[in-house]
Amino acid sequence: MWIAISALNLALAVMLGAFGAHGLKSFATPEQLAWWNTATQYFFYHAIGLLILGVLHKTTATFPIKIPYILIQIGIIFFCGSLYIMALGLPRILGAITPIGGAFMIVGWVMLAWQAIKHAK
């Protein structure tokens, strides 16, 4: 399941990246394109990280990834989603949730580090 979700994240990141590179350029401002590109970069980085977590879980089933994985996924939705929404011209107030998404990502990775330390003992 984890690998499948990661693969869907990556497919969506490719689609959104292509839309930003081809469809959005004709009507977006440079600032909106920058938001779109930032969202797409972070989406790719974290989706690849989630894929690695899925593979790790497959090879080391005793290593707990559920909580970090979910936190990072929520972070992707909030962080990248809010940037995509703003890039499409929707209210900038939604940018207020961008740092919340970033915090979810950070907490997810820190939780993974904590799990790794506990698992190593």
PDB file of N, CA and C in Angstrom:
ATOM      1  N   MET A   1       0.823  -1.193   0.000  1.00  0.00           N
ATOM      2  CA  MET A   1       0.000   0.000   0.000  1.00  0.00           C
ATOM      3  C   MET A   1       0.868   1.258   0.000  1.00  0.00           C
ATOM      4  N   TRP A   2       1.950   1.259   0.795  1.00  0.00           N
ATOM      5  CA  TRP A   2       2.791   2.455   0.908  1.00  0.00           C
ATOM      6  C   TRP A   2       3.451   2.789  -0.428  1.00  0.00           C
ATOM      7  N   ILE A   3       3.920   1.761  -1.126  1.00  0.00           N
ATOM      8  CA  ILE A   3       4.566   1.995  -2.418  1.00  0.00           C
ATOM      9  C   ILE A   3       3.546   2.497  -3.433  1.00  0.00           C
ATOM     10  N   ALA A   4       2.340   1.956  -3.402  1.00  0.00           N
ATOM     11  CA  ALA A   4       1.296   2.395  -4.337  1.00  0.00           C
ATOM     12  C   ALA A   4       0.936   3.862  -4.113  1.00  0.00           C
ATOM     13  N   ILE A   5       0.794   4.260  -2.859  1.00  0.00           N
ATOM     14  CA  ILE A   5       0.482   5.664  -2.556  1.00  0.00           C
ATOM     15  C   ILE A   5       1.626   6.556  -3.028  1.00  0.00           C
ATOM     16  N   SER A   6       2.846   6.116  -2.800  1.00  0.00           N
ATOM     17  CA  SER A   6       4.014   6.885  -3.236  1.00  0.00           C
ATOM     18  C   SER A   6       4.042   7.026  -4.755  1.00  0.00           C
ATOM     19  N   ALA A   7       3.746   5.938  -5.454  1.00  0.00           N
ATOM     20  CA  ALA A   7       3.733   5.979  -6.919  1.00  0.00           C
ATOM     21  C   ALA A   7       2.659   6.939  -7.427  1.00  0.00           C
ATOM     22  N   LEU A   8       1.506   6.956  -6.774  1.00  0.00           N
ATOM     23  CA  LEU A   8       0.453   7.906  -7.163  1.00  0.00           C
ATOM     24  C   LEU A   8       0.887   9.342  -6.891  1.00  0.00           C
ATOM     25  N   ASN A   9       1.567   9.563  -5.769  1.00  0.00           N
ATOM     26  CA  ASN A   9       2.124  10.893  -5.485  1.00  0.00           C
ATOM     27  C   ASN A   9       3.070  11.322  -6.599  1.00  0.00           C
ATOM     28  N   LEU A  10       3.954  10.424  -7.000  1.00  0.00           N
ATOM     29  CA  LEU A  10       4.929  10.760  -8.036  1.00  0.00           C
ATOM     30  C   LEU A  10       4.255  11.011  -9.381  1.00  0.00           C
ATOM     31  N   ALA A  11       3.254  10.215  -9.717  1.00  0.00           N
ATOM     32  CA  ALA A  11       2.519  10.441 -10.967  1.00  0.00           C
ATOM     33  C   ALA A  11       1.846  11.808 -10.953  1.00  0.00           C
ATOM     34  N   LEU A  12       1.234  12.154  -9.828  1.00  0.00           N
ATOM     35  CA  LEU A  12       0.578  13.457  -9.708  1.00  0.00           C
ATOM     36  C   LEU A  12       1.601  14.588  -9.777  1.00  0.00           C
ATOM     37  N   ALA A  13       2.760  14.392  -9.172  1.00  0.00           N
ATOM     38  CA  ALA A  13       3.812  15.413  -9.230  1.00  0.00           C
ATOM     39  C   ALA A  13       4.259  15.649 -10.672  1.00  0.00           C
ATOM     40  N   VAL A  14       4.381  14.580 -11.455  1.00  0.00           N
ATOM     41  CA  VAL A  14       4.747  14.722 -12.868  1.00  0.00           C
ATOM     42  C   VAL A  14       3.661  15.493 -13.617  1.00  0.00           C
ATOM     43  N   MET A  15       2.402  15.128 -13.390  1.00  0.00           N
ATOM     44  CA  MET A  15       1.299  15.820 -14.068  1.00  0.00           C
ATOM     45  C   MET A  15       1.265  17.299 -13.711  1.00  0.00           C
ATOM     46  N   LEU A  16       1.401  17.605 -12.427  1.00  0.00           N
ATOM     47  CA  LEU A  16       1.362  19.002 -11.996  1.00  0.00           C
ATOM     48  C   LEU A  16       2.584  19.766 -12.496  1.00  0.00           C
ATOM     49  N   GLY A  17       3.723  19.111 -12.532  1.00  0.00           N
ATOM     50  CA  GLY A  17       4.915  19.742 -13.085  1.00  0.00           C
ATOM     51  C   GLY A  17       4.747  20.060 -14.565  1.00  0.00           C
ATOM     52  N   ALA A  18       4.168  19.123 -15.302  1.00  0.00           N
ATOM     53  CA  ALA A  18       3.929  19.352 -16.731  1.00  0.00           C
ATOM     54  C   ALA A  18       2.933  20.485 -16.946  1.00  0.00           C
ATOM     55  N   PHE A  19       1.888  20.516 -16.131  1.00  0.00           N
ATOM     56  CA  PHE A  19       0.914  21.604 -16.251  1.00  0.00           C
ATOM     57  C   PHE A  19       1.578  22.946 -15.973  1.00  0.00           C
ATOM     58  N   GLY A  20       2.420  22.994 -14.963  1.00  0.00           N
ATOM     59  CA  GLY A  20       3.123  24.234 -14.643  1.00  0.00           C
ATOM     60  C   GLY A  20       4.061  24.670 -15.758  1.00  0.00           C
ATOM     61  N   ALA A  21       4.714  23.697 -16.395  1.00  0.00           N
ATOM     62  CA  ALA A  21       5.674  24.016 -17.450  1.00  0.00           C
ATOM     63  C   ALA A  21       4.999  24.398 -18.762  1.00  0.00           C
ATOM     64  N   HIS A  22       3.806  23.887 -18.997  1.00  0.00           N
ATOM     65  CA  HIS A  22       3.163  24.104 -20.296  1.00  0.00           C
ATOM     66  C   HIS A  22       1.869  24.906 -20.210  1.00  0.00           C
ATOM     67  N   GLY A  23       0.967  24.526 -19.334  1.00  0.00           N
ATOM     68  CA  GLY A  23      -0.345  25.163 -19.294  1.00  0.00           C
ATOM     69  C   GLY A  23      -0.404  26.448 -18.496  1.00  0.00           C
ATOM     70  N   LEU A  24       0.368  26.529 -17.451  1.00  0.00           N
ATOM     71  CA  LEU A  24       0.277  27.664 -16.531  1.00  0.00           C
ATOM     72  C   LEU A  24       1.040  28.887 -17.038  1.00  0.00           C
ATOM     73  N   LYS A  25       2.078  28.655 -17.809  1.00  0.00           N
ATOM     74  CA  LYS A  25       2.944  29.754 -18.243  1.00  0.00           C
ATOM     75  C   LYS A  25       2.204  30.838 -19.017  1.00  0.00           C
ATOM     76  N   SER A  26       1.140  30.480 -19.697  1.00  0.00           N
ATOM     77  CA  SER A  26       0.462  31.456 -20.550  1.00  0.00           C
ATOM     78  C   SER A  26      -0.326  32.504 -19.770  1.00  0.00           C
ATOM     79  N   PHE A  27      -0.695  32.209 -18.528  1.00  0.00           N
ATOM     80  CA  PHE A  27      -1.513  33.183 -17.795  1.00  0.00           C
ATOM     81  C   PHE A  27      -1.029  33.499 -16.385  1.00  0.00           C
ATOM     82  N   ALA A  28      -0.004  32.839 -15.919  1.00  0.00           N
ATOM     83  CA  ALA A  28       0.464  33.054 -14.544  1.00  0.00           C
ATOM     84  C   ALA A  28       1.531  34.141 -14.496  1.00  0.00           C
ATOM     85  N   THR A  29       1.584  34.811 -13.357  1.00  0.00           N
ATOM     86  CA  THR A  29       2.640  35.801 -13.122  1.00  0.00           C
ATOM     87  C   THR A  29       3.928  35.063 -12.748  1.00  0.00           C
ATOM     88  N   PRO A  30       5.064  35.742 -12.796  1.00  0.00           N
ATOM     89  CA  PRO A  30       6.311  35.095 -12.351  1.00  0.00           C
ATOM     90  C   PRO A  30       6.227  34.601 -10.901  1.00  0.00           C
ATOM     91  N   GLU A  31       5.540  35.365 -10.041  1.00  0.00           N
ATOM     92  CA  GLU A  31       5.386  34.944  -8.648  1.00  0.00           C
ATOM     93  C   GLU A  31       4.566  33.658  -8.559  1.00  0.00           C
ATOM     94  N   GLN A  32       3.488  33.572  -9.326  1.00  0.00           N
ATOM     95  CA  GLN A  32       2.662  32.362  -9.319  1.00  0.00           C
ATOM     96  C   GLN A  32       3.445  31.162  -9.849  1.00  0.00           C
ATOM     97  N   LEU A  33       4.235  31.378 -10.899  1.00  0.00           N
ATOM     98  CA  LEU A  33       5.065  30.290 -11.426  1.00  0.00           C
ATOM     99  C   LEU A  33       6.098  29.834 -10.404  1.00  0.00           C
ATOM    100  N   ALA A  34       6.639  30.779  -9.650  1.00  0.00           N
ATOM    101  CA  ALA A  34       7.606  30.422  -8.602  1.00  0.00           C
ATOM    102  C   ALA A  34       6.939  29.570  -7.530  1.00  0.00           C
ATOM    103  N   TRP A  35       5.714  29.941  -7.136  1.00  0.00           N
ATOM    104  CA  TRP A  35       4.986  29.126  -6.149  1.00  0.00           C
ATOM    105  C   TRP A  35       4.758  27.720  -6.700  1.00  0.00           C
ATOM    106  N   TRP A  36       4.340  27.654  -7.958  1.00  0.00           N
ATOM    107  CA  TRP A  36       4.057  26.358  -8.582  1.00  0.00           C
ATOM    108  C   TRP A  36       5.321  25.500  -8.608  1.00  0.00           C
ATOM    109  N   ASN A  37       6.430  26.105  -9.019  1.00  0.00           N
ATOM    110  CA  ASN A  37       7.685  25.357  -9.099  1.00  0.00           C
ATOM    111  C   ASN A  37       8.163  24.895  -7.725  1.00  0.00           C
ATOM    112  N   THR A  38       8.020  25.746  -6.722  1.00  0.00           N
ATOM    113  CA  THR A  38       8.394  25.353  -5.358  1.00  0.00           C
ATOM    114  C   THR A  38       7.543  24.181  -4.895  1.00  0.00           C
ATOM    115  N   ALA A  39       6.239  24.265  -5.119  1.00  0.00           N
ATOM    116  CA  ALA A  39       5.338  23.177  -4.725  1.00  0.00           C
ATOM    117  C   ALA A  39       5.733  21.880  -5.417  1.00  0.00           C
ATOM    118  N   THR A  40       6.027  21.961  -6.702  1.00  0.00           N
ATOM    119  CA  THR A  40       6.369  20.758  -7.459  1.00  0.00           C
ATOM    120  C   THR A  40       7.692  20.161  -6.985  1.00  0.00           C
ATOM    121  N   GLN A  41       8.678  21.006  -6.703  1.00  0.00           N
ATOM    122  CA  GLN A  41       9.952  20.492  -6.189  1.00  0.00           C
ATOM    123  C   GLN A  41       9.759  19.774  -4.859  1.00  0.00           C
ATOM    124  N   TYR A  42       9.063  20.416  -3.939  1.00  0.00           N
ATOM    125  CA  TYR A  42       8.838  19.796  -2.633  1.00  0.00           C
ATOM    126  C   TYR A  42       7.997  18.534  -2.765  1.00  0.00           C
ATOM    127  N   PHE A  43       7.036  18.548  -3.681  1.00  0.00           N
ATOM    128  CA  PHE A  43       6.204  17.373  -3.914  1.00  0.00           C
ATOM    129  C   PHE A  43       7.095  16.207  -4.347  1.00  0.00           C
ATOM    130  N   PHE A  44       7.958  16.452  -5.329  1.00  0.00           N
ATOM    131  CA  PHE A  44       8.846  15.390  -5.801  1.00  0.00           C
ATOM    132  C   PHE A  44       9.767  14.886  -4.697  1.00  0.00           C
ATOM    133  N   TYR A  45      10.423  15.797  -3.996  1.00  0.00           N
ATOM    134  CA  TYR A  45      11.364  15.379  -2.956  1.00  0.00           C
ATOM    135  C   TYR A  45      10.687  14.486  -1.919  1.00  0.00           C
ATOM    136  N   HIS A  46       9.548  14.923  -1.452  1.00  0.00           N
ATOM    137  CA  HIS A  46       8.878  14.185  -0.385  1.00  0.00           C
ATOM    138  C   HIS A  46       8.202  12.921  -0.900  1.00  0.00           C
ATOM    139  N   ALA A  47       7.723  12.932  -2.141  1.00  0.00           N
ATOM    140  CA  ALA A  47       7.147  11.713  -2.714  1.00  0.00           C
ATOM    141  C   ALA A  47       8.229  10.650  -2.891  1.00  0.00           C
ATOM    142  N   ILE A  48       9.413  11.055  -3.308  1.00  0.00           N
ATOM    143  CA  ILE A  48      10.527  10.103  -3.415  1.00  0.00           C
ATOM    144  C   ILE A  48      10.896   9.581  -2.023  1.00  0.00           C
ATOM    145  N   GLY A  49      10.900  10.468  -1.044  1.00  0.00           N
ATOM    146  CA  GLY A  49      11.148  10.037   0.329  1.00  0.00           C
ATOM    147  C   GLY A  49      10.120   9.019   0.798  1.00  0.00           C
ATOM    148  N   LEU A  50       8.855   9.255   0.457  1.00  0.00           N
ATOM    149  CA  LEU A  50       7.809   8.306   0.834  1.00  0.00           C
ATOM    150  C   LEU A  50       7.994   6.972   0.123  1.00  0.00           C
ATOM    151  N   LEU A  51       8.424   7.016  -1.136  1.00  0.00           N
ATOM    152  CA  LEU A  51       8.690   5.778  -1.862  1.00  0.00           C
ATOM    153  C   LEU A  51       9.807   4.989  -1.175  1.00  0.00           C
ATOM    154  N   ILE A  52      10.845   5.678  -0.763  1.00  0.00           N
ATOM    155  CA  ILE A  52      11.939   5.016  -0.045  1.00  0.00           C
ATOM    156  C   ILE A  52      11.427   4.406   1.258  1.00  0.00           C
ATOM    157  N   LEU A  53      10.550   5.124   1.951  1.00  0.00           N
ATOM    158  CA  LEU A  53       9.950   4.564   3.175  1.00  0.00           C
ATOM    159  C   LEU A  53       9.157   3.301   2.862  1.00  0.00           C
ATOM    160  N   GLY A  54       8.403   3.324   1.769  1.00  0.00           N
ATOM    161  CA  GLY A  54       7.634   2.142   1.374  1.00  0.00           C
ATOM    162  C   GLY A  54       8.523   0.952   1.087  1.00  0.00           C
ATOM    163  N   VAL A  55       9.620   1.189   0.393  1.00  0.00           N
ATOM    164  CA  VAL A  55      10.577   0.117   0.097  1.00  0.00           C
ATOM    165  C   VAL A  55      11.229  -0.367   1.390  1.00  0.00           C
ATOM    166  N   LEU A  56      11.575   0.562   2.265  1.00  0.00           N
ATOM    167  CA  LEU A  56      12.145   0.199   3.562  1.00  0.00           C
ATOM    168  C   LEU A  56      11.187  -0.707   4.335  1.00  0.00           C
ATOM    169  N   HIS A  57       9.923  -0.361   4.312  1.00  0.00           N
ATOM    170  CA  HIS A  57       8.927  -1.176   5.018  1.00  0.00           C
ATOM    171  C   HIS A  57       8.833  -2.572   4.403  1.00  0.00           C
ATOM    172  N   LYS A  58       8.954  -2.655   3.073  1.00  0.00           N
ATOM    173  CA  LYS A  58       8.903  -3.956   2.396  1.00  0.00           C
ATOM    174  C   LYS A  58      10.088  -4.834   2.789  1.00  0.00           C
ATOM    175  N   THR A  59      11.256  -4.219   2.923  1.00  0.00           N
ATOM    176  CA  THR A  59      12.462  -4.995   3.214  1.00  0.00           C
ATOM    177  C   THR A  59      12.686  -5.211   4.703  1.00  0.00           C
ATOM    178  N   THR A  60      12.153  -4.316   5.520  1.00  0.00           N
ATOM    179  CA  THR A  60      12.300  -4.405   6.973  1.00  0.00           C
ATOM    180  C   THR A  60      10.926  -4.184   7.593  1.00  0.00           C
ATOM    181  N   ALA A  61      10.100  -5.197   7.550  1.00  0.00           N
ATOM    182  CA  ALA A  61       8.702  -5.055   7.968  1.00  0.00           C
ATOM    183  C   ALA A  61       8.543  -4.634   9.423  1.00  0.00           C
ATOM    184  N   THR A  62       9.559  -4.857  10.231  1.00  0.00           N
ATOM    185  CA  THR A  62       9.439  -4.495  11.648  1.00  0.00           C
ATOM    186  C   THR A  62       9.705  -3.014  11.894  1.00  0.00           C
ATOM    187  N   PHE A  63      10.237  -2.319  10.884  1.00  0.00           N
ATOM    188  CA  PHE A  63      10.524  -0.895  11.053  1.00  0.00           C
ATOM    189  C   PHE A  63       9.230  -0.099  10.875  1.00  0.00           C
ATOM    190  N   PRO A  64       8.825   0.654  11.913  1.00  0.00           N
ATOM    191  CA  PRO A  64       7.540   1.360  11.860  1.00  0.00           C
ATOM    192  C   PRO A  64       7.611   2.653  11.034  1.00  0.00           C
ATOM    193  N   ILE A  65       6.829   2.698   9.950  1.00  0.00           N
ATOM    194  CA  ILE A  65       6.823   3.896   9.106  1.00  0.00           C
ATOM    195  C   ILE A  65       5.469   4.598   9.069  1.00  0.00           C
ATOM    196  N   LYS A  66       4.450   3.992   9.637  1.00  0.00           N
ATOM    197  CA  LYS A  66       3.089   4.501   9.457  1.00  0.00           C
ATOM    198  C   LYS A  66       2.935   5.964   9.882  1.00  0.00           C
ATOM    199  N   ILE A  67       3.337   6.297  11.093  1.00  0.00           N
ATOM    200  CA  ILE A  67       3.130   7.670  11.588  1.00  0.00           C
ATOM    201  C   ILE A  67       3.974   8.671  10.800  1.00  0.00           C
ATOM    202  N   PRO A  68       5.284   8.425  10.601  1.00  0.00           N
ATOM    203  CA  PRO A  68       6.042   9.383   9.790  1.00  0.00           C
ATOM    204  C   PRO A  68       5.475   9.533   8.378  1.00  0.00           C
ATOM    205  N   TYR A  69       5.081   8.420   7.789  1.00  0.00           N
ATOM    206  CA  TYR A  69       4.545   8.445   6.426  1.00  0.00           C
ATOM    207  C   TYR A  69       3.296   9.318   6.354  1.00  0.00           C
ATOM    208  N   ILE A  70       2.387   9.110   7.276  1.00  0.00           N
ATOM    209  CA  ILE A  70       1.133   9.880   7.277  1.00  0.00           C
ATOM    210  C   ILE A  70       1.400  11.359   7.526  1.00  0.00           C
ATOM    211  N   LEU A  71       2.291  11.669   8.457  1.00  0.00           N
ATOM    212  CA  LEU A  71       2.614  13.072   8.732  1.00  0.00           C
ATOM    213  C   LEU A  71       3.203  13.757   7.497  1.00  0.00           C
ATOM    214  N   ILE A  72       4.106  13.078   6.816  1.00  0.00           N
ATOM    215  CA  ILE A  72       4.712  13.652   5.612  1.00  0.00           C
ATOM    216  C   ILE A  72       3.661  13.817   4.523  1.00  0.00           C
ATOM    217  N   GLN A  73       2.777  12.836   4.386  1.00  0.00           N
ATOM    218  CA  GLN A  73       1.716  12.936   3.368  1.00  0.00           C
ATOM    219  C   GLN A  73       0.792  14.120   3.656  1.00  0.00           C
ATOM    220  N   ILE A  74       0.436  14.313   4.902  1.00  0.00           N
ATOM    221  CA  ILE A  74      -0.384  15.478   5.276  1.00  0.00           C
ATOM    222  C   ILE A  74       0.377  16.760   4.956  1.00  0.00           C
ATOM    223  N   GLY A  75       1.667  16.760   5.237  1.00  0.00           N
ATOM    224  CA  GLY A  75       2.495  17.918   4.921  1.00  0.00           C
ATOM    225  C   GLY A  75       2.498  18.237   3.437  1.00  0.00           C
ATOM    226  N   ILE A  76       2.592  17.210   2.608  1.00  0.00           N
ATOM    227  CA  ILE A  76       2.542  17.410   1.154  1.00  0.00           C
ATOM    228  C   ILE A  76       1.227  18.066   0.760  1.00  0.00           C
ATOM    229  N   ILE A  77       0.138  17.547   1.295  1.00  0.00           N
ATOM    230  CA  ILE A  77      -1.180  18.079   0.935  1.00  0.00           C
ATOM    231  C   ILE A  77      -1.299  19.544   1.338  1.00  0.00           C
ATOM    232  N   PHE A  78      -0.914  19.868   2.565  1.00  0.00           N
ATOM    233  CA  PHE A  78      -1.055  21.251   3.044  1.00  0.00           C
ATOM    234  C   PHE A  78      -0.048  22.193   2.387  1.00  0.00           C
ATOM    235  N   PHE A  79       1.225  21.808   2.409  1.00  0.00           N
ATOM    236  CA  PHE A  79       2.278  22.690   1.901  1.00  0.00           C
ATOM    237  C   PHE A  79       2.139  22.881   0.391  1.00  0.00           C
ATOM    238  N   CYS A  80       2.228  21.784  -0.333  1.00  0.00           N
ATOM    239  CA  CYS A  80       2.176  21.881  -1.793  1.00  0.00           C
ATOM    240  C   CYS A  80       0.799  22.329  -2.264  1.00  0.00           C
ATOM    241  N   GLY A  81      -0.232  21.783  -1.642  1.00  0.00           N
ATOM    242  CA  GLY A  81      -1.594  22.142  -2.040  1.00  0.00           C
ATOM    243  C   GLY A  81      -1.870  23.623  -1.915  1.00  0.00           C
ATOM    244  N   SER A  82      -1.435  24.228  -0.816  1.00  0.00           N
ATOM    245  CA  SER A  82      -1.688  25.660  -0.630  1.00  0.00           C
ATOM    246  C   SER A  82      -0.918  26.489  -1.657  1.00  0.00           C
ATOM    247  N   LEU A  83       0.303  26.080  -1.990  1.00  0.00           N
ATOM    248  CA  LEU A  83       1.067  26.801  -3.012  1.00  0.00           C
ATOM    249  C   LEU A  83       0.425  26.647  -4.387  1.00  0.00           C
ATOM    250  N   TYR A  84      -0.041  25.445  -4.705  1.00  0.00           N
ATOM    251  CA  TYR A  84      -0.731  25.239  -5.984  1.00  0.00           C
ATOM    252  C   TYR A  84      -1.993  26.102  -6.063  1.00  0.00           C
ATOM    253  N   ILE A  85      -2.740  26.135  -4.988  1.00  0.00           N
ATOM    254  CA  ILE A  85      -3.977  26.922  -4.959  1.00  0.00           C
ATOM    255  C   ILE A  85      -3.676  28.404  -5.166  1.00  0.00           C
ATOM    256  N   MET A  86      -2.671  28.910  -4.480  1.00  0.00           N
ATOM    257  CA  MET A  86      -2.312  30.327  -4.645  1.00  0.00           C
ATOM    258  C   MET A  86      -1.810  30.602  -6.064  1.00  0.00           C
ATOM    259  N   ALA A  87      -1.067  29.664  -6.626  1.00  0.00           N
ATOM    260  CA  ALA A  87      -0.544  29.846  -7.980  1.00  0.00           C
ATOM    261  C   ALA A  87      -1.663  29.906  -9.012  1.00  0.00           C
ATOM    262  N   LEU A  88      -2.793  29.302  -8.695  1.00  0.00           N
ATOM    263  CA  LEU A  88      -3.940  29.337  -9.607  1.00  0.00           C
ATOM    264  C   LEU A  88      -4.779  30.596  -9.429  1.00  0.00           C
ATOM    265  N   GLY A  89      -4.342  31.480  -8.533  1.00  0.00           N
ATOM    266  CA  GLY A  89      -5.021  32.759  -8.367  1.00  0.00           C
ATOM    267  C   GLY A  89      -6.090  32.778  -7.297  1.00  0.00           C
ATOM    268  N   LEU A  90      -6.192  31.725  -6.529  1.00  0.00           N
ATOM    269  CA  LEU A  90      -7.178  31.696  -5.451  1.00  0.00           C
ATOM    270  C   LEU A  90      -6.641  32.501  -4.270  1.00  0.00           C
ATOM    271  N   PRO A  91      -7.468  32.771  -3.281  1.00  0.00           N
ATOM    272  CA  PRO A  91      -7.084  33.701  -2.205  1.00  0.00           C
ATOM    273  C   PRO A  91      -5.734  33.385  -1.561  1.00  0.00           C
ATOM    274  N   ARG A  92      -4.933  34.435  -1.405  1.00  0.00           N
ATOM    275  CA  ARG A  92      -3.605  34.278  -0.809  1.00  0.00           C
ATOM    276  C   ARG A  92      -3.677  33.947   0.673  1.00  0.00           C
ATOM    277  N   ILE A  93      -4.821  34.143   1.287  1.00  0.00           N
ATOM    278  CA  ILE A  93      -4.979  33.806   2.707  1.00  0.00           C
ATOM    279  C   ILE A  93      -4.698  32.319   2.926  1.00  0.00           C
ATOM    280  N   LEU A  94      -4.920  31.516   1.876  1.00  0.00           N
ATOM    281  CA  LEU A  94      -4.642  30.087   1.990  1.00  0.00           C
ATOM    282  C   LEU A  94      -3.152  29.818   2.181  1.00  0.00           C
ATOM    283  N   GLY A  95      -2.327  30.812   1.867  1.00  0.00           N
ATOM    284  CA  GLY A  95      -0.897  30.680   2.111  1.00  0.00           C
ATOM    285  C   GLY A  95      -0.568  30.538   3.585  1.00  0.00           C
ATOM    286  N   ALA A  96      -1.528  30.879   4.433  1.00  0.00           N
ATOM    287  CA  ALA A  96      -1.311  30.746   5.876  1.00  0.00           C
ATOM    288  C   ALA A  96      -1.151  29.286   6.292  1.00  0.00           C
ATOM    289  N   ILE A  97      -1.674  28.355   5.490  1.00  0.00           N
ATOM    290  CA  ILE A  97      -1.523  26.940   5.859  1.00  0.00           C
ATOM    291  C   ILE A  97      -0.231  26.331   5.307  1.00  0.00           C
ATOM    292  N   THR A  98       0.469  27.074   4.457  1.00  0.00           N
ATOM    293  CA  THR A  98       1.723  26.552   3.896  1.00  0.00           C
ATOM    294  C   THR A  98       2.716  26.171   4.995  1.00  0.00           C
ATOM    295  N   PRO A  99       2.972  27.046   5.982  1.00  0.00           N
ATOM    296  CA  PRO A  99       3.921  26.657   7.031  1.00  0.00           C
ATOM    297  C   PRO A  99       3.431  25.488   7.886  1.00  0.00           C
ATOM    298  N   ILE A 100       2.125  25.335   7.993  1.00  0.00           N
ATOM    299  CA  ILE A 100       1.586  24.186   8.735  1.00  0.00           C
ATOM    300  C   ILE A 100       1.978  22.900   8.012  1.00  0.00           C
ATOM    301  N   GLY A 101       1.841  22.922   6.690  1.00  0.00           N
ATOM    302  CA  GLY A 101       2.266  21.766   5.901  1.00  0.00           C
ATOM    303  C   GLY A 101       3.747  21.490   6.056  1.00  0.00           C
ATOM    304  N   GLY A 102       4.542  22.553   6.043  1.00  0.00           N
ATOM    305  CA  GLY A 102       5.981  22.391   6.250  1.00  0.00           C
ATOM    306  C   GLY A 102       6.290  21.795   7.607  1.00  0.00           C
ATOM    307  N   ALA A 103       5.547  22.223   8.611  1.00  0.00           N
ATOM    308  CA  ALA A 103       5.746  21.679   9.961  1.00  0.00           C
ATOM    309  C   ALA A 103       5.406  20.192  10.000  1.00  0.00           C
ATOM    310  N   PHE A 104       4.338  19.791   9.316  1.00  0.00           N
ATOM    311  CA  PHE A 104       3.994  18.365   9.254  1.00  0.00           C
ATOM    312  C   PHE A 104       5.131  17.569   8.607  1.00  0.00           C
ATOM    313  N   MET A 105       5.698  18.114   7.530  1.00  0.00           N
ATOM    314  CA  MET A 105       6.815  17.430   6.872  1.00  0.00           C
ATOM    315  C   MET A 105       7.992  17.273   7.831  1.00  0.00           C
ATOM    316  N   ILE A 106       8.351  18.359   8.496  1.00  0.00           N
ATOM    317  CA  ILE A 106       9.481  18.329   9.429  1.00  0.00           C
ATOM    318  C   ILE A 106       9.230  17.326  10.544  1.00  0.00           C
ATOM    319  N   VAL A 107       8.054  17.377  11.140  1.00  0.00           N
ATOM    320  CA  VAL A 107       7.732  16.455  12.234  1.00  0.00           C
ATOM    321  C   VAL A 107       7.753  15.011  11.734  1.00  0.00           C
ATOM    322  N   GLY A 108       7.280  14.785  10.522  1.00  0.00           N
ATOM    323  CA  GLY A 108       7.315  13.435   9.956  1.00  0.00           C
ATOM    324  C   GLY A 108       8.729  12.906   9.828  1.00  0.00           C
ATOM    325  N   TRP A 109       9.638  13.737   9.319  1.00  0.00           N
ATOM    326  CA  TRP A 109      11.028  13.298   9.172  1.00  0.00           C
ATOM    327  C   TRP A 109      11.713  13.134  10.526  1.00  0.00           C
ATOM    328  N   VAL A 110      11.413  14.021  11.468  1.00  0.00           N
ATOM    329  CA  VAL A 110      11.980  13.883  12.815  1.00  0.00           C
ATOM    330  C   VAL A 110      11.443  12.616  13.478  1.00  0.00           C
ATOM    331  N   MET A 111      10.165  12.335  13.283  1.00  0.00           N
ATOM    332  CA  MET A 111       9.574  11.111  13.825  1.00  0.00           C
ATOM    333  C   MET A 111      10.255   9.884  13.216  1.00  0.00           C
ATOM    334  N   LEU A 112      10.564   9.948  11.937  1.00  0.00           N
ATOM    335  CA  LEU A 112      11.281   8.848  11.297  1.00  0.00           C
ATOM    336  C   LEU A 112      12.658   8.659  11.933  1.00  0.00           C
ATOM    337  N   ALA A 113      13.350   9.761  12.180  1.00  0.00           N
ATOM    338  CA  ALA A 113      14.657   9.676  12.841  1.00  0.00           C
ATOM    339  C   ALA A 113      14.513   9.036  14.218  1.00  0.00           C
ATOM    340  N   TRP A 114      13.490   9.446  14.951  1.00  0.00           N
ATOM    341  CA  TRP A 114      13.234   8.881  16.279  1.00  0.00           C
ATOM    342  C   TRP A 114      12.974   7.378  16.183  1.00  0.00           C
ATOM    343  N   GLN A 115      12.156   6.980  15.208  1.00  0.00           N
ATOM    344  CA  GLN A 115      11.865   5.549  15.017  1.00  0.00           C
ATOM    345  C   GLN A 115      13.156   4.790  14.686  1.00  0.00           C
ATOM    346  N   ALA A 116      14.009   5.394  13.865  1.00  0.00           N
ATOM    347  CA  ALA A 116      15.270   4.737  13.493  1.00  0.00           C
ATOM    348  C   ALA A 116      16.178   4.555  14.703  1.00  0.00           C
ATOM    349  N   ILE A 117      16.231   5.566  15.558  1.00  0.00           N
ATOM    350  CA  ILE A 117      17.046   5.470  16.776  1.00  0.00           C
ATOM    351  C   ILE A 117      16.501   4.370  17.684  1.00  0.00           C
ATOM    352  N   LYS A 118      15.181   4.358  17.870  1.00  0.00           N
ATOM    353  CA  LYS A 118      14.566   3.319  18.712  1.00  0.00           C
ATOM    354  C   LYS A 118      14.777   1.933  18.114  1.00  0.00           C
ATOM    355  N   HIS A 119      14.659   1.825  16.807  1.00  0.00           N
ATOM    356  CA  HIS A 119      14.775   0.533  16.128  1.00  0.00           C
ATOM    357  C   HIS A 119      16.211  -0.001  16.176  1.00  0.00           C
ATOM    358  N   ALA A 120      17.185   0.908  16.238  1.00  0.00           N
ATOM    359  CA  ALA A 120      18.597   0.504  16.245  1.00  0.00           C
ATOM    360  C   ALA A 120      19.027  -0.099  17.572  1.00  0.00           C
ATOM    361  N   LYS A 121      18.265   0.166  18.632  1.00  0.00           N
ATOM    362  CA  LYS A 121      18.654  -0.325  19.965  1.00  0.00           C
ATOM    363  C   LYS A 121      18.392  -1.798  20.119  1.00  0.00           C
TER     364      LYS A 121
END
